Amino acid sequence: MEKILNAEPRTETGKGAAGRLRRAGRIPAVVYGHEAPHALSVEAREFHKEFHTVSESTLIKLKFPDGEREVLIKDYSEDIRTGDILHIDFYEVEKGRKVHTRIALELVGSPVGVREGGVLEHSLYEVDIECLPKDLPEHMTVDVSGLSTGESLHISDITPPAGVEILNDPDQTIASVAIPRAAIEEEEEEEEAAEPTVIGEEASEEE
C-alpha cells in the first residue's frame, strides 16, 4: 500500500539549516535516484503518524507543490535518546524498472514441534528482493505450522508473491524448531548414568 507525504523543496543545506528545520517541526531529507540529488523536508508529525516503524519496503508518494515523486526509504538517522528522526535518504523509483530492497519476514502458524515441547527459533527477519514497484509487498508471511522438532525452513522452501524474486541464498535458514536445552541435558545425564563402569578403569582411578 502506497503512503503519501507532503514535501517541500529546500534551498539551504548544512547543519545550521537542518537544525532550523528540526526546530520548526520538519525533517530534512534528500531524494537520490536517476536525477541529481534533490533536497527537501517533510513534516515530522505527519511522518511519525504514517510511519510507526521505518521500513525500506513501503512505497511513498512525495507530493511537492509542482509535482510528485515515488520513493523508498533507503537510510535514516535517529536520535537514540528521543527516537526522533533527524534525516532521511529517499531513493526514487521508476515505473517499469525493478527495484532492489529488503522486506520483513513474518512467521505465522503454530509449529507441530512447538506443541510437542520444542522451541521455535527465528533466524532470518528480512530478505533481499527484486521486483517492479507495483509488485512491492510491505512484508512476506511464512507459514511455520508444519515444522516438527529438529526441522528447519529455508529460503528454497517458500514461494514469494507474484513478480517478486528473492535474492538470498536458497539454503539460508529462516526458522527451525529446536529441542529444549533442558531436554538435551536430561538426556545426556541419563546416558552418563547408563554407561557401564569398566573394572580396570575403576581400579586405576582408586590407585
N, C-alpha and C. Protein backbone atom coordinates (compact mmCIF):
# COMPACT_ATOMS: atom_id res chain seq x y z
N MET A 1 0.84 -1.20 0.00
CA MET A 1 0.00 0.00 0.00
C MET A 1 0.88 1.25 0.00
N GLU A 2 0.63 2.16 -0.92
CA GLU A 2 1.43 3.37 -1.04
C GLU A 2 0.99 4.41 -0.01
N LYS A 3 1.97 5.05 0.60
CA LYS A 3 1.69 6.13 1.55
C LYS A 3 2.00 7.47 0.89
N ILE A 4 1.35 8.51 1.37
CA ILE A 4 1.54 9.85 0.79
C ILE A 4 2.11 10.79 1.84
N LEU A 5 3.16 11.52 1.48
CA LEU A 5 3.76 12.53 2.35
C LEU A 5 3.87 13.84 1.59
N ASN A 6 3.49 14.92 2.23
CA ASN A 6 3.68 16.24 1.65
C ASN A 6 5.13 16.68 1.86
N ALA A 7 5.75 17.19 0.82
CA ALA A 7 7.16 17.58 0.88
C ALA A 7 7.35 18.99 0.36
N GLU A 8 8.37 19.62 0.86
CA GLU A 8 8.74 20.96 0.39
C GLU A 8 10.21 20.97 0.01
N PRO A 9 10.54 21.54 -1.15
CA PRO A 9 11.96 21.65 -1.52
C PRO A 9 12.68 22.59 -0.56
N ARG A 10 13.97 22.38 -0.37
CA ARG A 10 14.75 23.29 0.48
C ARG A 10 16.00 23.74 -0.28
N THR A 11 16.30 24.99 -0.16
CA THR A 11 17.45 25.57 -0.86
C THR A 11 18.66 25.68 0.04
N GLU A 12 18.43 25.76 1.36
CA GLU A 12 19.54 25.86 2.31
C GLU A 12 19.92 24.47 2.80
N THR A 13 21.22 24.22 2.86
CA THR A 13 21.71 22.95 3.38
C THR A 13 22.75 23.22 4.46
N GLY A 14 23.23 22.15 5.08
CA GLY A 14 24.22 22.32 6.15
C GLY A 14 23.58 22.12 7.52
N LYS A 15 24.42 22.04 8.57
CA LYS A 15 23.94 21.76 9.92
C LYS A 15 23.02 22.86 10.45
N GLY A 16 23.38 24.12 10.18
CA GLY A 16 22.57 25.23 10.68
C GLY A 16 21.17 25.21 10.11
N ALA A 17 21.07 25.02 8.79
CA ALA A 17 19.76 25.00 8.14
C ALA A 17 18.95 23.78 8.60
N ALA A 18 19.64 22.63 8.75
CA ALA A 18 18.94 21.42 9.20
C ALA A 18 18.41 21.60 10.62
N GLY A 19 19.19 22.24 11.47
CA GLY A 19 18.75 22.50 12.84
C GLY A 19 17.53 23.39 12.89
N ARG A 20 17.49 24.40 12.03
CA ARG A 20 16.33 25.30 12.00
C ARG A 20 15.07 24.56 11.55
N LEU A 21 15.24 23.66 10.57
CA LEU A 21 14.11 22.87 10.10
C LEU A 21 13.55 21.99 11.22
N ARG A 22 14.45 21.34 11.96
CA ARG A 22 14.01 20.44 13.03
C ARG A 22 13.28 21.22 14.12
N ARG A 23 13.78 22.40 14.44
CA ARG A 23 13.11 23.22 15.47
C ARG A 23 11.73 23.69 15.00
N ALA A 24 11.57 23.75 13.66
CA ALA A 24 10.28 24.15 13.09
C ALA A 24 9.35 22.95 12.90
N GLY A 25 9.79 21.78 13.37
CA GLY A 25 8.95 20.59 13.27
C GLY A 25 9.03 19.86 11.95
N ARG A 26 10.15 20.01 11.22
CA ARG A 26 10.31 19.35 9.94
C ARG A 26 11.56 18.48 9.95
N ILE A 27 11.58 17.49 9.06
CA ILE A 27 12.73 16.58 8.94
C ILE A 27 13.43 16.86 7.62
N PRO A 28 14.71 17.22 7.64
CA PRO A 28 15.44 17.40 6.38
C PRO A 28 15.65 16.05 5.70
N ALA A 29 15.63 16.07 4.37
CA ALA A 29 15.76 14.82 3.62
C ALA A 29 16.37 15.09 2.25
N VAL A 30 16.77 14.01 1.59
CA VAL A 30 17.32 14.09 0.24
C VAL A 30 16.75 12.94 -0.58
N VAL A 31 16.38 13.21 -1.82
CA VAL A 31 15.95 12.17 -2.75
C VAL A 31 17.09 11.89 -3.71
N TYR A 32 17.50 10.61 -3.78
CA TYR A 32 18.51 10.18 -4.74
C TYR A 32 17.81 9.33 -5.80
N GLY A 33 18.46 9.17 -6.93
CA GLY A 33 17.85 8.35 -7.98
C GLY A 33 18.49 8.60 -9.32
N HIS A 34 17.64 8.59 -10.37
CA HIS A 34 18.17 8.72 -11.73
C HIS A 34 18.47 10.16 -12.10
N GLU A 35 18.12 11.11 -11.23
CA GLU A 35 18.44 12.51 -11.46
C GLU A 35 19.39 12.99 -10.36
N ALA A 36 19.77 14.26 -10.40
CA ALA A 36 20.64 14.82 -9.36
C ALA A 36 19.92 14.80 -8.02
N PRO A 37 20.65 14.63 -6.90
CA PRO A 37 20.02 14.63 -5.57
C PRO A 37 19.16 15.87 -5.36
N HIS A 38 18.01 15.67 -4.73
CA HIS A 38 17.05 16.75 -4.54
C HIS A 38 16.81 16.94 -3.05
N ALA A 39 17.17 18.11 -2.50
CA ALA A 39 16.99 18.39 -1.07
C ALA A 39 15.55 18.80 -0.78
N LEU A 40 15.00 18.28 0.31
CA LEU A 40 13.61 18.57 0.66
C LEU A 40 13.42 18.43 2.16
N SER A 41 12.21 18.65 2.62
CA SER A 41 11.87 18.40 4.01
C SER A 41 10.44 17.92 4.09
N VAL A 42 10.14 17.13 5.13
CA VAL A 42 8.77 16.66 5.38
C VAL A 42 8.41 17.01 6.82
N GLU A 43 7.12 17.13 7.07
CA GLU A 43 6.67 17.47 8.42
C GLU A 43 6.86 16.28 9.35
N ALA A 44 7.52 16.49 10.47
CA ALA A 44 7.83 15.41 11.40
C ALA A 44 6.56 14.74 11.93
N ARG A 45 5.57 15.52 12.29
CA ARG A 45 4.34 14.95 12.86
C ARG A 45 3.64 14.05 11.85
N GLU A 46 3.57 14.50 10.60
CA GLU A 46 2.93 13.71 9.56
C GLU A 46 3.71 12.42 9.31
N PHE A 47 5.05 12.53 9.31
CA PHE A 47 5.88 11.35 9.05
C PHE A 47 5.67 10.31 10.14
N HIS A 48 5.71 10.71 11.41
CA HIS A 48 5.55 9.76 12.50
C HIS A 48 4.14 9.18 12.56
N LYS A 49 3.16 9.94 12.09
CA LYS A 49 1.79 9.44 12.05
C LYS A 49 1.66 8.32 11.02
N GLU A 50 2.33 8.48 9.88
CA GLU A 50 2.26 7.50 8.81
C GLU A 50 3.17 6.30 9.05
N PHE A 51 4.31 6.55 9.72
CA PHE A 51 5.31 5.50 9.89
C PHE A 51 5.57 5.26 11.38
N HIS A 52 4.89 4.25 11.91
CA HIS A 52 5.15 3.86 13.31
C HIS A 52 6.51 3.16 13.39
N THR A 53 6.88 2.49 12.31
CA THR A 53 8.22 1.92 12.17
C THR A 53 8.72 2.28 10.78
N VAL A 54 10.02 2.53 10.65
CA VAL A 54 10.59 2.90 9.35
C VAL A 54 10.90 1.64 8.57
N SER A 55 10.35 1.53 7.38
CA SER A 55 10.54 0.33 6.57
C SER A 55 11.06 0.70 5.19
N GLU A 56 11.97 -0.14 4.68
CA GLU A 56 12.53 0.08 3.34
C GLU A 56 11.60 -0.43 2.25
N SER A 57 10.53 -1.13 2.64
CA SER A 57 9.68 -1.76 1.64
C SER A 57 8.38 -1.02 1.37
N THR A 58 8.20 0.14 2.01
CA THR A 58 6.97 0.90 1.82
C THR A 58 7.13 1.92 0.71
N LEU A 59 6.30 1.83 -0.31
CA LEU A 59 6.34 2.78 -1.41
C LEU A 59 5.67 4.08 -0.96
N ILE A 60 6.36 5.19 -1.17
CA ILE A 60 5.88 6.50 -0.70
C ILE A 60 5.73 7.45 -1.89
N LYS A 61 4.64 8.19 -1.88
CA LYS A 61 4.46 9.24 -2.89
C LYS A 61 4.73 10.58 -2.21
N LEU A 62 5.83 11.21 -2.59
CA LEU A 62 6.15 12.54 -2.09
C LEU A 62 5.44 13.57 -2.95
N LYS A 63 4.60 14.37 -2.33
CA LYS A 63 3.83 15.38 -3.07
C LYS A 63 4.47 16.76 -2.86
N PHE A 64 5.00 17.33 -3.96
CA PHE A 64 5.59 18.66 -3.96
C PHE A 64 4.56 19.65 -4.53
N PRO A 65 4.79 20.94 -4.30
CA PRO A 65 3.88 21.94 -4.89
C PRO A 65 3.78 21.83 -6.41
N ASP A 66 4.87 21.33 -7.04
CA ASP A 66 4.88 21.29 -8.51
C ASP A 66 4.88 19.87 -9.09
N GLY A 67 4.59 18.87 -8.27
CA GLY A 67 4.59 17.51 -8.81
C GLY A 67 4.71 16.44 -7.74
N GLU A 68 4.95 15.20 -8.18
CA GLU A 68 5.05 14.07 -7.27
C GLU A 68 6.26 13.20 -7.63
N ARG A 69 6.75 12.46 -6.63
CA ARG A 69 7.82 11.50 -6.86
C ARG A 69 7.54 10.25 -6.02
N GLU A 70 7.72 9.09 -6.63
CA GLU A 70 7.57 7.83 -5.89
C GLU A 70 8.93 7.40 -5.38
N VAL A 71 9.01 7.12 -4.08
CA VAL A 71 10.31 6.84 -3.47
C VAL A 71 10.19 5.70 -2.46
N LEU A 72 11.37 5.19 -2.07
CA LEU A 72 11.52 4.26 -0.95
C LEU A 72 12.47 4.89 0.05
N ILE A 73 12.36 4.53 1.30
CA ILE A 73 13.34 4.97 2.31
C ILE A 73 14.56 4.06 2.22
N LYS A 74 15.72 4.65 1.95
CA LYS A 74 16.94 3.87 1.85
C LYS A 74 17.80 3.95 3.10
N ASP A 75 17.70 5.07 3.83
CA ASP A 75 18.51 5.23 5.04
C ASP A 75 17.92 6.37 5.87
N TYR A 76 18.23 6.38 7.15
CA TYR A 76 17.78 7.47 8.01
C TYR A 76 18.67 7.51 9.25
N SER A 77 18.71 8.67 9.88
CA SER A 77 19.44 8.81 11.14
C SER A 77 18.44 9.17 12.22
N GLU A 78 18.70 8.67 13.44
CA GLU A 78 17.74 8.80 14.53
C GLU A 78 18.45 9.24 15.80
N ASP A 79 17.80 10.07 16.59
CA ASP A 79 18.31 10.46 17.90
C ASP A 79 18.05 9.30 18.86
N ILE A 80 19.12 8.66 19.33
CA ILE A 80 18.95 7.46 20.16
C ILE A 80 18.31 7.77 21.50
N ARG A 81 18.36 9.03 21.93
CA ARG A 81 17.76 9.39 23.23
C ARG A 81 16.26 9.64 23.11
N THR A 82 15.83 10.29 22.05
CA THR A 82 14.42 10.68 21.92
C THR A 82 13.65 9.82 20.91
N GLY A 83 14.39 9.15 20.01
CA GLY A 83 13.72 8.40 18.95
C GLY A 83 13.29 9.26 17.78
N ASP A 84 13.62 10.55 17.80
CA ASP A 84 13.25 11.45 16.70
C ASP A 84 14.08 11.14 15.46
N ILE A 85 13.44 11.19 14.29
CA ILE A 85 14.16 11.02 13.02
C ILE A 85 14.83 12.34 12.68
N LEU A 86 16.15 12.31 12.48
CA LEU A 86 16.92 13.52 12.22
C LEU A 86 17.10 13.81 10.73
N HIS A 87 17.16 12.76 9.93
CA HIS A 87 17.40 12.94 8.48
C HIS A 87 16.96 11.68 7.76
N ILE A 88 16.47 11.84 6.53
CA ILE A 88 16.02 10.70 5.74
C ILE A 88 16.64 10.75 4.36
N ASP A 89 17.10 9.61 3.87
CA ASP A 89 17.52 9.46 2.49
C ASP A 89 16.46 8.66 1.75
N PHE A 90 15.84 9.27 0.75
CA PHE A 90 14.88 8.57 -0.09
C PHE A 90 15.56 8.15 -1.39
N TYR A 91 15.01 7.10 -2.01
CA TYR A 91 15.51 6.68 -3.33
C TYR A 91 14.32 6.65 -4.29
N GLU A 92 14.42 7.41 -5.37
CA GLU A 92 13.31 7.49 -6.32
C GLU A 92 13.23 6.24 -7.18
N VAL A 93 12.03 5.72 -7.34
CA VAL A 93 11.81 4.55 -8.18
C VAL A 93 11.19 4.98 -9.50
N GLU A 94 11.45 4.18 -10.53
CA GLU A 94 10.90 4.46 -11.85
C GLU A 94 9.89 3.38 -12.21
N LYS A 95 8.74 3.77 -12.67
CA LYS A 95 7.74 2.80 -13.10
C LYS A 95 8.29 1.98 -14.26
N GLY A 96 8.10 0.67 -14.17
CA GLY A 96 8.59 -0.21 -15.22
C GLY A 96 10.02 -0.66 -15.01
N ARG A 97 10.67 -0.15 -13.97
CA ARG A 97 12.05 -0.54 -13.68
C ARG A 97 12.11 -1.21 -12.30
N LYS A 98 12.75 -2.37 -12.23
CA LYS A 98 12.78 -3.13 -10.98
C LYS A 98 13.58 -2.42 -9.89
N VAL A 99 13.13 -2.62 -8.66
CA VAL A 99 13.83 -2.06 -7.51
C VAL A 99 14.40 -3.21 -6.69
N HIS A 100 15.51 -2.93 -6.02
CA HIS A 100 16.16 -3.90 -5.15
C HIS A 100 16.07 -3.36 -3.73
N THR A 101 15.38 -4.08 -2.86
CA THR A 101 15.20 -3.62 -1.49
C THR A 101 15.07 -4.81 -0.55
N ARG A 102 14.76 -4.52 0.72
CA ARG A 102 14.58 -5.57 1.72
C ARG A 102 13.16 -5.49 2.29
N ILE A 103 12.59 -6.65 2.58
CA ILE A 103 11.28 -6.68 3.22
C ILE A 103 11.33 -7.63 4.42
N ALA A 104 10.44 -7.40 5.36
CA ALA A 104 10.41 -8.20 6.58
C ALA A 104 9.74 -9.56 6.34
N LEU A 105 10.20 -10.57 7.08
CA LEU A 105 9.57 -11.88 7.09
C LEU A 105 8.77 -12.02 8.38
N GLU A 106 7.50 -12.35 8.26
CA GLU A 106 6.65 -12.53 9.43
C GLU A 106 6.21 -14.00 9.50
N LEU A 107 6.53 -14.65 10.61
CA LEU A 107 6.18 -16.06 10.79
C LEU A 107 4.72 -16.16 11.24
N VAL A 108 4.00 -17.10 10.65
CA VAL A 108 2.61 -17.34 11.05
C VAL A 108 2.42 -18.84 11.28
N GLY A 109 1.47 -19.18 12.12
CA GLY A 109 1.17 -20.58 12.39
C GLY A 109 1.84 -21.08 13.67
N SER A 110 1.31 -22.16 14.19
CA SER A 110 1.84 -22.79 15.40
C SER A 110 2.52 -24.10 15.02
N PRO A 111 3.86 -24.17 15.07
CA PRO A 111 4.58 -25.36 14.62
C PRO A 111 4.20 -26.62 15.41
N VAL A 112 4.15 -27.75 14.70
CA VAL A 112 3.89 -29.04 15.32
C VAL A 112 4.92 -29.30 16.42
N GLY A 113 6.18 -28.98 16.14
CA GLY A 113 7.25 -29.24 17.08
C GLY A 113 7.14 -28.46 18.37
N VAL A 114 6.58 -27.25 18.29
CA VAL A 114 6.39 -26.44 19.50
C VAL A 114 5.32 -27.06 20.38
N ARG A 115 4.26 -27.57 19.75
CA ARG A 115 3.21 -28.24 20.53
C ARG A 115 3.72 -29.51 21.18
N GLU A 116 4.81 -30.05 20.63
CA GLU A 116 5.41 -31.26 21.20
C GLU A 116 6.47 -30.93 22.24
N GLY A 117 6.69 -29.63 22.49
CA GLY A 117 7.66 -29.24 23.51
C GLY A 117 8.91 -28.58 22.97
N GLY A 118 9.02 -28.45 21.64
CA GLY A 118 10.19 -27.81 21.04
C GLY A 118 10.14 -26.29 21.15
N VAL A 119 11.23 -25.66 20.72
CA VAL A 119 11.34 -24.20 20.78
C VAL A 119 11.53 -23.64 19.37
N LEU A 120 10.67 -22.69 18.98
CA LEU A 120 10.79 -22.07 17.66
C LEU A 120 11.91 -21.04 17.67
N GLU A 121 12.85 -21.18 16.73
CA GLU A 121 13.96 -20.24 16.60
C GLU A 121 13.82 -19.51 15.27
N HIS A 122 13.66 -18.17 15.34
CA HIS A 122 13.52 -17.32 14.16
C HIS A 122 14.90 -16.78 13.80
N SER A 123 15.47 -17.25 12.70
CA SER A 123 16.85 -16.91 12.34
C SER A 123 16.98 -15.75 11.37
N LEU A 124 16.02 -15.60 10.47
CA LEU A 124 16.12 -14.59 9.41
C LEU A 124 14.88 -13.70 9.45
N TYR A 125 15.10 -12.40 9.62
CA TYR A 125 13.99 -11.46 9.79
C TYR A 125 13.69 -10.64 8.54
N GLU A 126 14.63 -10.57 7.59
CA GLU A 126 14.45 -9.81 6.36
C GLU A 126 15.04 -10.58 5.19
N VAL A 127 14.52 -10.32 4.00
CA VAL A 127 15.09 -10.89 2.79
C VAL A 127 15.31 -9.79 1.76
N ASP A 128 16.33 -9.99 0.92
CA ASP A 128 16.58 -9.09 -0.20
C ASP A 128 15.70 -9.53 -1.37
N ILE A 129 15.03 -8.59 -1.98
CA ILE A 129 14.16 -8.93 -3.11
C ILE A 129 14.37 -7.96 -4.27
N GLU A 130 13.86 -8.37 -5.42
CA GLU A 130 13.86 -7.51 -6.60
C GLU A 130 12.50 -7.66 -7.28
N CYS A 131 11.90 -6.53 -7.62
CA CYS A 131 10.60 -6.57 -8.28
C CYS A 131 10.27 -5.19 -8.85
N LEU A 132 9.19 -5.12 -9.60
CA LEU A 132 8.70 -3.84 -10.08
C LEU A 132 8.01 -3.11 -8.93
N PRO A 133 8.02 -1.78 -8.94
CA PRO A 133 7.37 -1.04 -7.85
C PRO A 133 5.93 -1.46 -7.58
N LYS A 134 5.19 -1.79 -8.64
CA LYS A 134 3.78 -2.16 -8.48
C LYS A 134 3.61 -3.49 -7.75
N ASP A 135 4.65 -4.33 -7.75
CA ASP A 135 4.58 -5.65 -7.11
C ASP A 135 5.20 -5.67 -5.72
N LEU A 136 5.66 -4.54 -5.25
CA LEU A 136 6.41 -4.49 -3.99
C LEU A 136 5.51 -4.76 -2.78
N PRO A 137 5.76 -5.86 -2.05
CA PRO A 137 4.98 -6.13 -0.84
C PRO A 137 5.61 -5.45 0.37
N GLU A 138 4.80 -5.10 1.37
CA GLU A 138 5.35 -4.48 2.58
C GLU A 138 6.08 -5.51 3.42
N HIS A 139 5.62 -6.77 3.37
CA HIS A 139 6.27 -7.85 4.11
C HIS A 139 5.88 -9.17 3.45
N MET A 140 6.48 -10.26 3.92
CA MET A 140 6.17 -11.57 3.39
C MET A 140 5.87 -12.50 4.57
N THR A 141 4.74 -13.19 4.52
CA THR A 141 4.39 -14.12 5.60
C THR A 141 4.92 -15.52 5.27
N VAL A 142 5.40 -16.19 6.31
CA VAL A 142 5.95 -17.54 6.15
C VAL A 142 5.24 -18.46 7.13
N ASP A 143 4.61 -19.50 6.61
CA ASP A 143 3.86 -20.45 7.44
C ASP A 143 4.81 -21.50 8.02
N VAL A 144 4.90 -21.54 9.34
CA VAL A 144 5.81 -22.49 10.01
C VAL A 144 5.04 -23.60 10.72
N SER A 145 3.73 -23.71 10.47
CA SER A 145 2.91 -24.67 11.21
C SER A 145 3.31 -26.12 10.95
N GLY A 146 3.95 -26.41 9.82
CA GLY A 146 4.32 -27.79 9.51
C GLY A 146 5.65 -28.24 10.07
N LEU A 147 6.37 -27.34 10.76
CA LEU A 147 7.70 -27.69 11.29
C LEU A 147 7.60 -28.61 12.50
N SER A 148 8.29 -29.74 12.43
CA SER A 148 8.39 -30.65 13.57
C SER A 148 9.70 -30.38 14.30
N THR A 149 9.87 -30.99 15.46
CA THR A 149 11.09 -30.81 16.24
C THR A 149 12.30 -31.29 15.44
N GLY A 150 13.33 -30.44 15.37
CA GLY A 150 14.54 -30.78 14.63
C GLY A 150 14.51 -30.39 13.17
N GLU A 151 13.39 -29.85 12.69
CA GLU A 151 13.28 -29.45 11.29
C GLU A 151 13.52 -27.96 11.11
N SER A 152 13.95 -27.59 9.89
CA SER A 152 14.21 -26.18 9.56
C SER A 152 13.49 -25.79 8.28
N LEU A 153 13.21 -24.50 8.17
CA LEU A 153 12.60 -23.96 6.96
C LEU A 153 13.62 -23.04 6.30
N HIS A 154 13.85 -23.24 5.00
CA HIS A 154 14.87 -22.48 4.28
C HIS A 154 14.23 -21.59 3.21
N ILE A 155 15.04 -20.70 2.67
CA ILE A 155 14.58 -19.81 1.60
C ILE A 155 13.98 -20.62 0.45
N SER A 156 14.60 -21.73 0.12
CA SER A 156 14.13 -22.56 -1.00
C SER A 156 12.76 -23.18 -0.74
N ASP A 157 12.31 -23.17 0.51
CA ASP A 157 11.03 -23.79 0.86
C ASP A 157 9.84 -22.85 0.71
N ILE A 158 10.09 -21.57 0.48
CA ILE A 158 8.98 -20.60 0.42
C ILE A 158 8.77 -20.09 -1.00
N THR A 159 7.54 -19.71 -1.28
CA THR A 159 7.19 -19.18 -2.59
C THR A 159 6.88 -17.69 -2.46
N PRO A 160 7.65 -16.82 -3.11
CA PRO A 160 7.41 -15.37 -3.00
C PRO A 160 6.15 -14.96 -3.74
N PRO A 161 5.61 -13.78 -3.46
CA PRO A 161 4.44 -13.28 -4.21
C PRO A 161 4.77 -13.15 -5.70
N ALA A 162 3.74 -13.11 -6.51
CA ALA A 162 3.92 -12.98 -7.95
C ALA A 162 4.72 -11.74 -8.30
N GLY A 163 5.72 -11.91 -9.16
CA GLY A 163 6.53 -10.78 -9.61
C GLY A 163 7.70 -10.46 -8.72
N VAL A 164 7.85 -11.19 -7.61
CA VAL A 164 8.92 -10.91 -6.65
C VAL A 164 9.98 -12.01 -6.71
N GLU A 165 11.24 -11.61 -6.80
CA GLU A 165 12.35 -12.55 -6.79
C GLU A 165 13.16 -12.37 -5.50
N ILE A 166 13.36 -13.47 -4.76
CA ILE A 166 14.17 -13.43 -3.55
C ILE A 166 15.63 -13.63 -3.93
N LEU A 167 16.51 -12.77 -3.44
CA LEU A 167 17.92 -12.80 -3.84
C LEU A 167 18.82 -13.51 -2.83
N ASN A 168 18.28 -13.91 -1.69
CA ASN A 168 19.09 -14.59 -0.68
C ASN A 168 19.52 -15.98 -1.14
N ASP A 169 20.52 -16.54 -0.46
CA ASP A 169 20.97 -17.91 -0.71
C ASP A 169 19.80 -18.86 -0.43
N PRO A 170 19.48 -19.76 -1.36
CA PRO A 170 18.35 -20.68 -1.15
C PRO A 170 18.49 -21.56 0.09
N ASP A 171 19.74 -21.81 0.52
CA ASP A 171 19.97 -22.67 1.68
C ASP A 171 19.90 -21.92 3.02
N GLN A 172 19.70 -20.62 2.97
CA GLN A 172 19.66 -19.84 4.21
C GLN A 172 18.44 -20.22 5.05
N THR A 173 18.68 -20.43 6.36
CA THR A 173 17.62 -20.86 7.27
C THR A 173 16.78 -19.68 7.72
N ILE A 174 15.46 -19.84 7.64
CA ILE A 174 14.53 -18.81 8.11
C ILE A 174 14.12 -19.09 9.55
N ALA A 175 13.74 -20.33 9.81
CA ALA A 175 13.29 -20.71 11.16
C ALA A 175 13.49 -22.20 11.35
N SER A 176 13.53 -22.61 12.60
CA SER A 176 13.67 -24.03 12.93
C SER A 176 13.04 -24.28 14.29
N VAL A 177 12.75 -25.54 14.56
CA VAL A 177 12.22 -25.94 15.87
C VAL A 177 13.28 -26.79 16.54
N ALA A 178 13.82 -26.27 17.63
CA ALA A 178 14.92 -26.95 18.34
C ALA A 178 14.40 -27.70 19.56
N ILE A 179 15.17 -28.72 19.96
CA ILE A 179 14.87 -29.44 21.19
C ILE A 179 15.27 -28.54 22.36
N PRO A 180 14.42 -28.39 23.37
CA PRO A 180 14.77 -27.53 24.51
C PRO A 180 16.07 -27.98 25.16
N ARG A 181 16.89 -27.01 25.58
CA ARG A 181 18.18 -27.32 26.18
C ARG A 181 18.03 -28.21 27.42
N ALA A 182 16.97 -28.00 28.19
CA ALA A 182 16.75 -28.80 29.39
C ALA A 182 16.57 -30.27 29.03
N ALA A 183 15.87 -30.53 27.92
CA ALA A 183 15.65 -31.91 27.49
C ALA A 183 16.95 -32.55 27.04
N ILE A 184 17.81 -31.77 26.37
CA ILE A 184 19.10 -32.29 25.92
C ILE A 184 19.98 -32.65 27.12
N GLU A 185 20.02 -31.75 28.10
CA GLU A 185 20.82 -32.00 29.30
C GLU A 185 20.32 -33.22 30.06
N GLU A 186 18.99 -33.37 30.14
CA GLU A 186 18.41 -34.53 30.84
C GLU A 186 18.79 -35.82 30.12
N GLU A 187 18.76 -35.79 28.78
CA GLU A 187 19.12 -36.96 28.00
C GLU A 187 20.59 -37.31 28.20
N GLU A 188 21.46 -36.27 28.24
CA GLU A 188 22.88 -36.51 28.45
C GLU A 188 23.15 -37.12 29.82
N GLU A 189 22.41 -36.63 30.83
CA GLU A 189 22.57 -37.18 32.18
C GLU A 189 22.14 -38.64 32.25
N GLU A 190 21.06 -38.96 31.54
CA GLU A 190 20.58 -40.35 31.53
C GLU A 190 21.59 -41.25 30.84
N GLU A 191 22.21 -40.75 29.75
CA GLU A 191 23.21 -41.54 29.04
C GLU A 191 24.44 -41.78 29.91
N GLU A 192 24.86 -40.73 30.65
CA GLU A 192 26.01 -40.87 31.53
C GLU A 192 25.74 -41.86 32.65
N ALA A 193 24.52 -41.82 33.19
CA ALA A 193 24.16 -42.73 34.27
C ALA A 193 24.08 -44.17 33.78
N ALA A 194 23.76 -44.34 32.50
CA ALA A 194 23.60 -45.68 31.96
C ALA A 194 24.91 -46.29 31.47
N GLU A 195 26.01 -45.50 31.42
CA GLU A 195 27.29 -46.01 30.94
C GLU A 195 27.86 -47.02 31.93
N PRO A 196 28.28 -48.20 31.45
CA PRO A 196 28.85 -49.22 32.35
C PRO A 196 30.24 -48.81 32.84
N THR A 197 30.56 -49.19 34.05
CA THR A 197 31.87 -48.89 34.61
C THR A 197 32.81 -50.04 34.34
N VAL A 198 33.96 -49.77 33.74
CA VAL A 198 34.96 -50.79 33.46
C VAL A 198 35.80 -51.01 34.72
N ILE A 199 35.89 -52.27 35.18
CA ILE A 199 36.56 -52.58 36.45
C ILE A 199 38.01 -52.12 36.45
N GLY A 200 38.69 -52.35 35.34
CA GLY A 200 40.10 -51.95 35.26
C GLY A 200 40.27 -50.47 35.42
N GLU A 201 39.37 -49.69 34.81
CA GLU A 201 39.46 -48.24 34.90
C GLU A 201 39.17 -47.77 36.31
N GLU A 202 38.20 -48.46 36.99
CA GLU A 202 37.85 -48.08 38.36
C GLU A 202 39.02 -48.30 39.29
N ALA A 203 39.73 -49.42 39.06
CA ALA A 203 40.90 -49.71 39.90
C ALA A 203 41.99 -48.68 39.68
N SER A 204 42.18 -48.26 38.41
CA SER A 204 43.21 -47.27 38.11
C SER A 204 42.92 -45.95 38.81
N GLU A 205 41.63 -45.57 38.84
CA GLU A 205 41.26 -44.32 39.45
C GLU A 205 41.49 -44.35 40.96
N GLU A 206 41.26 -45.58 41.59
CA GLU A 206 41.46 -45.67 43.03
C GLU A 206 42.93 -45.57 43.39
N GLU A 207 43.80 -46.13 42.50
CA GLU A 207 45.24 -46.03 42.76
C GLU A 207 45.71 -44.59 42.67
